[in-house]
Amino acid sequence: MHLKVLLPFEIFTEKNDVIRIVAETIEGSFGILPQRLDCVAVLEPGILTFETESEGEIFIAVDEGVLIKAGTEVLVSVRRAIKGADLKQLHRAVEEEFLNLDEETKEMRIAMAKLESGFIHKFAEFRHD
């Protein structure tokens, strides 16, 4: 298979001789072999594992995103990715960087919603005066 991991502004990695891929979804681990039917999967923050004939197993910590398999092409589009050989370190990176940032994003969205709501109320009061 041909695997391409895409970030918002660059190609993170591209491999041609991929034998298998394992990704994490909301439903659990999701495995792909070359003969698997075409599919789309929503990825959650976790470890993307793939194996090549020349390099063996490779691990990448990925943020949430999408995986698309069409024929022998597999595209993985994620917001952030970290490559590493130490699985413990990658799991820690997922927990510390990706999951914590998601909490910060949620808090920021709540704050923005409160600001927008306050602005709309003030604008409505101003309009009625």
C-alpha atoms as a PDB file:
ATOM      1  CA  MET A   1       0.000   0.000   0.000  1.00  0.00           C
ATOM      2  CA  HIS A   2       1.019   3.625  -0.424  1.00  0.00           C
ATOM      3  CA  LEU A   3       0.559   5.597   2.837  1.00  0.00           C
ATOM      4  CA  LYS A   4       0.596   9.374   3.028  1.00  0.00           C
ATOM      5  CA  VAL A   5       0.179  11.176   6.371  1.00  0.00           C
ATOM      6  CA  LEU A   6      -0.908  14.767   5.810  1.00  0.00           C
ATOM      7  CA  LEU A   7      -0.766  17.720   8.201  1.00  0.00           C
ATOM      8  CA  PRO A   8      -2.599  20.998   7.481  1.00  0.00           C
ATOM      9  CA  PHE A   9       0.396  22.537   5.708  1.00  0.00           C
ATOM     10  CA  GLU A  10       2.728  19.684   4.786  1.00  0.00           C
ATOM     11  CA  ILE A  11       3.169  16.003   4.053  1.00  0.00           C
ATOM     12  CA  PHE A  12       4.372  14.488   7.335  1.00  0.00           C
ATOM     13  CA  THR A  13       5.454  11.133   5.884  1.00  0.00           C
ATOM     14  CA  GLU A  14       4.988   9.084   2.750  1.00  0.00           C
ATOM     15  CA  LYS A  15       5.762   5.361   2.428  1.00  0.00           C
ATOM     16  CA  ASN A  16       5.319   3.034  -0.551  1.00  0.00           C
ATOM     17  CA  ASP A  17       5.843  -0.515   0.683  1.00  0.00           C
ATOM     18  CA  VAL A  18       3.326  -0.580   3.567  1.00  0.00           C
ATOM     19  CA  ILE A  19       2.193  -4.081   4.552  1.00  0.00           C
ATOM     20  CA  ARG A  20      -0.335  -3.184   7.272  1.00  0.00           C
ATOM     21  CA  ILE A  21      -1.741  -0.188   9.140  1.00  0.00           C
ATOM     22  CA  VAL A  22      -3.395   0.047  12.558  1.00  0.00           C
ATOM     23  CA  ALA A  23      -5.162   3.249  13.638  1.00  0.00           C
ATOM     24  CA  GLU A  24      -7.342   4.233  16.589  1.00  0.00           C
ATOM     25  CA  THR A  25     -10.961   5.282  16.094  1.00  0.00           C
ATOM     26  CA  ILE A  26     -13.805   6.064  18.460  1.00  0.00           C
ATOM     27  CA  GLU A  27     -14.865   2.418  18.116  1.00  0.00           C
ATOM     28  CA  GLY A  28     -11.379   1.058  18.914  1.00  0.00           C
ATOM     29  CA  SER A  29      -8.391  -0.119  16.891  1.00  0.00           C
ATOM     30  CA  PHE A  30      -8.851  -0.360  13.146  1.00  0.00           C
ATOM     31  CA  GLY A  31      -6.600  -2.544  10.987  1.00  0.00           C
ATOM     32  CA  ILE A  32      -5.961  -2.288   7.264  1.00  0.00           C
ATOM     33  CA  LEU A  33      -4.355  -4.875   5.021  1.00  0.00           C
ATOM     34  CA  PRO A  34      -3.756  -4.388   1.269  1.00  0.00           C
ATOM     35  CA  GLN A  35      -6.845  -6.369   0.178  1.00  0.00           C
ATOM     36  CA  ARG A  36      -9.265  -4.589   2.512  1.00  0.00           C
ATOM     37  CA  LEU A  37     -12.233  -2.881   0.889  1.00  0.00           C
ATOM     38  CA  ASP A  38     -12.125   0.884   0.460  1.00  0.00           C
ATOM     39  CA  CYS A  39     -13.210   2.757   3.566  1.00  0.00           C
ATOM     40  CA  VAL A  40     -13.196   5.991   5.557  1.00  0.00           C
ATOM     41  CA  ALA A  41     -12.583   6.201   9.315  1.00  0.00           C
ATOM     42  CA  VAL A  42     -12.618   9.059  11.812  1.00  0.00           C
ATOM     43  CA  LEU A  43      -9.447   8.932  13.901  1.00  0.00           C
ATOM     44  CA  GLU A  44      -9.103   9.979  17.504  1.00  0.00           C
ATOM     45  CA  PRO A  45      -5.837  10.993  19.170  1.00  0.00           C
ATOM     46  CA  GLY A  46      -3.664   7.901  19.470  1.00  0.00           C
ATOM     47  CA  ILE A  47      -0.895   5.865  17.902  1.00  0.00           C
ATOM     48  CA  LEU A  48      -0.871   5.118  14.177  1.00  0.00           C
ATOM     49  CA  THR A  49       1.157   1.983  13.552  1.00  0.00           C
ATOM     50  CA  PHE A  50       2.286   0.805  10.155  1.00  0.00           C
ATOM     51  CA  GLU A  51       4.757  -1.748   8.897  1.00  0.00           C
ATOM     52  CA  THR A  52       6.955  -1.631   5.818  1.00  0.00           C
ATOM     53  CA  GLU A  53       9.037  -4.407   4.334  1.00  0.00           C
ATOM     54  CA  SER A  54      12.233  -2.368   4.569  1.00  0.00           C
ATOM     55  CA  GLU A  55      11.827  -0.543   7.934  1.00  0.00           C
ATOM     56  CA  GLY A  56       9.584  -2.806   9.993  1.00  0.00           C
ATOM     57  CA  GLU A  57       7.086  -1.288  12.445  1.00  0.00           C
ATOM     58  CA  ILE A  58       6.835   2.494  12.636  1.00  0.00           C
ATOM     59  CA  PHE A  59       4.824   4.414  15.245  1.00  0.00           C
ATOM     60  CA  ILE A  60       3.382   7.913  14.899  1.00  0.00           C
ATOM     61  CA  ALA A  61       1.391   9.765  17.562  1.00  0.00           C
ATOM     62  CA  VAL A  62      -1.488  11.476  15.743  1.00  0.00           C
ATOM     63  CA  ASP A  63      -4.157  13.939  16.698  1.00  0.00           C
ATOM     64  CA  GLU A  64      -7.755  13.524  15.574  1.00  0.00           C
ATOM     65  CA  GLY A  65      -8.329  13.298  11.852  1.00  0.00           C
ATOM     66  CA  VAL A  66      -9.535  11.132   8.974  1.00  0.00           C
ATOM     67  CA  LEU A  67      -8.220   7.996   7.302  1.00  0.00           C
ATOM     68  CA  ILE A  68      -9.250   7.201   3.718  1.00  0.00           C
ATOM     69  CA  LYS A  69      -8.388   3.971   1.883  1.00  0.00           C
ATOM     70  CA  ALA A  70      -9.019   3.850  -1.867  1.00  0.00           C
ATOM     71  CA  GLY A  71      -7.423   0.933  -3.673  1.00  0.00           C
ATOM     72  CA  THR A  72      -3.785   0.798  -2.615  1.00  0.00           C
ATOM     73  CA  GLU A  73      -3.753   4.473  -1.565  1.00  0.00           C
ATOM     74  CA  VAL A  74      -4.188   5.292   2.130  1.00  0.00           C
ATOM     75  CA  LEU A  75      -4.413   8.952   3.136  1.00  0.00           C
ATOM     76  CA  VAL A  76      -4.334   9.993   6.770  1.00  0.00           C
ATOM     77  CA  SER A  77      -5.119  13.644   7.419  1.00  0.00           C
ATOM     78  CA  VAL A  78      -4.516  14.857  10.984  1.00  0.00           C
ATOM     79  CA  ARG A  79      -3.930  18.190  12.730  1.00  0.00           C
ATOM     80  CA  ARG A  80      -0.653  17.165  14.401  1.00  0.00           C
ATOM     81  CA  ALA A  81       1.718  14.198  14.367  1.00  0.00           C
ATOM     82  CA  ILE A  82       4.884  13.137  16.222  1.00  0.00           C
ATOM     83  CA  LYS A  83       7.150  10.358  14.992  1.00  0.00           C
ATOM     84  CA  GLY A  84       9.146   8.268  17.439  1.00  0.00           C
ATOM     85  CA  ALA A  85      10.541   4.847  18.215  1.00  0.00           C
ATOM     86  CA  ASP A  86       9.700   4.749  21.941  1.00  0.00           C
ATOM     87  CA  LEU A  87       6.058   3.726  22.335  1.00  0.00           C
ATOM     88  CA  LYS A  88       5.841   4.926  25.967  1.00  0.00           C
ATOM     89  CA  GLN A  89       7.070   8.366  24.963  1.00  0.00           C
ATOM     90  CA  LEU A  90       4.533   8.560  22.122  1.00  0.00           C
ATOM     91  CA  HIS A  91       1.654   7.535  24.416  1.00  0.00           C
ATOM     92  CA  ARG A  92       2.735  10.264  26.841  1.00  0.00           C
ATOM     93  CA  ALA A  93       2.821  12.776  23.973  1.00  0.00           C
ATOM     94  CA  VAL A  94      -0.735  11.825  22.990  1.00  0.00           C
ATOM     95  CA  GLU A  95      -1.960  12.247  26.558  1.00  0.00           C
ATOM     96  CA  GLU A  96      -0.083  15.461  27.302  1.00  0.00           C
ATOM     97  CA  GLU A  97      -0.183  17.324  23.997  1.00  0.00           C
ATOM     98  CA  PHE A  98      -3.187  16.151  22.017  1.00  0.00           C
ATOM     99  CA  LEU A  99      -5.766  15.358  24.712  1.00  0.00           C
ATOM    100  CA  ASN A 100      -4.889  18.365  26.910  1.00  0.00           C
ATOM    101  CA  LEU A 101      -5.023  20.708  23.938  1.00  0.00           C
ATOM    102  CA  ASP A 102      -8.480  19.378  23.162  1.00  0.00           C
ATOM    103  CA  GLU A 103      -9.570  20.445  26.670  1.00  0.00           C
ATOM    104  CA  GLU A 104      -8.043  23.878  26.093  1.00  0.00           C
ATOM    105  CA  THR A 105      -9.866  24.115  22.763  1.00  0.00           C
ATOM    106  CA  LYS A 106     -13.177  23.248  24.454  1.00  0.00           C
ATOM    107  CA  GLU A 107     -12.597  25.898  27.119  1.00  0.00           C
ATOM    108  CA  MET A 108     -11.715  28.454  24.458  1.00  0.00           C
ATOM    109  CA  ARG A 109     -14.903  27.646  22.517  1.00  0.00           C
ATOM    110  CA  ILE A 110     -16.997  28.052  25.677  1.00  0.00           C
ATOM    111  CA  ALA A 111     -15.365  31.417  26.371  1.00  0.00           C
ATOM    112  CA  MET A 112     -15.945  32.539  22.766  1.00  0.00           C
ATOM    113  CA  ALA A 113     -19.590  31.471  22.954  1.00  0.00           C
ATOM    114  CA  LYS A 114     -20.037  33.516  26.142  1.00  0.00           C
ATOM    115  CA  LEU A 115     -18.430  36.559  24.490  1.00  0.00           C
ATOM    116  CA  GLU A 116     -20.609  36.195  21.403  1.00  0.00           C
ATOM    117  CA  SER A 117     -23.732  35.780  23.514  1.00  0.00           C
ATOM    118  CA  GLY A 118     -22.871  38.861  25.578  1.00  0.00           C
ATOM    119  CA  PHE A 119     -22.243  40.877  22.425  1.00  0.00           C
ATOM    120  CA  ILE A 120     -25.571  39.834  20.928  1.00  0.00           C
ATOM    121  CA  HIS A 121     -27.444  40.757  24.132  1.00  0.00           C
ATOM    122  CA  LYS A 122     -25.725  44.164  24.312  1.00  0.00           C
ATOM    123  CA  PHE A 123     -26.416  44.764  20.628  1.00  0.00           C
ATOM    124  CA  ALA A 124     -30.086  43.848  21.122  1.00  0.00           C
ATOM    125  CA  GLU A 125     -30.336  46.244  24.091  1.00  0.00           C
ATOM    126  CA  PHE A 126     -28.668  49.002  22.099  1.00  0.00           C
ATOM    127  CA  ARG A 127     -31.025  48.450  19.186  1.00  0.00           C
ATOM    128  CA  HIS A 128     -34.120  48.677  21.408  1.00  0.00           C
ATOM    129  CA  ASP A 129     -32.989  51.950  23.023  1.00  0.00           C
END
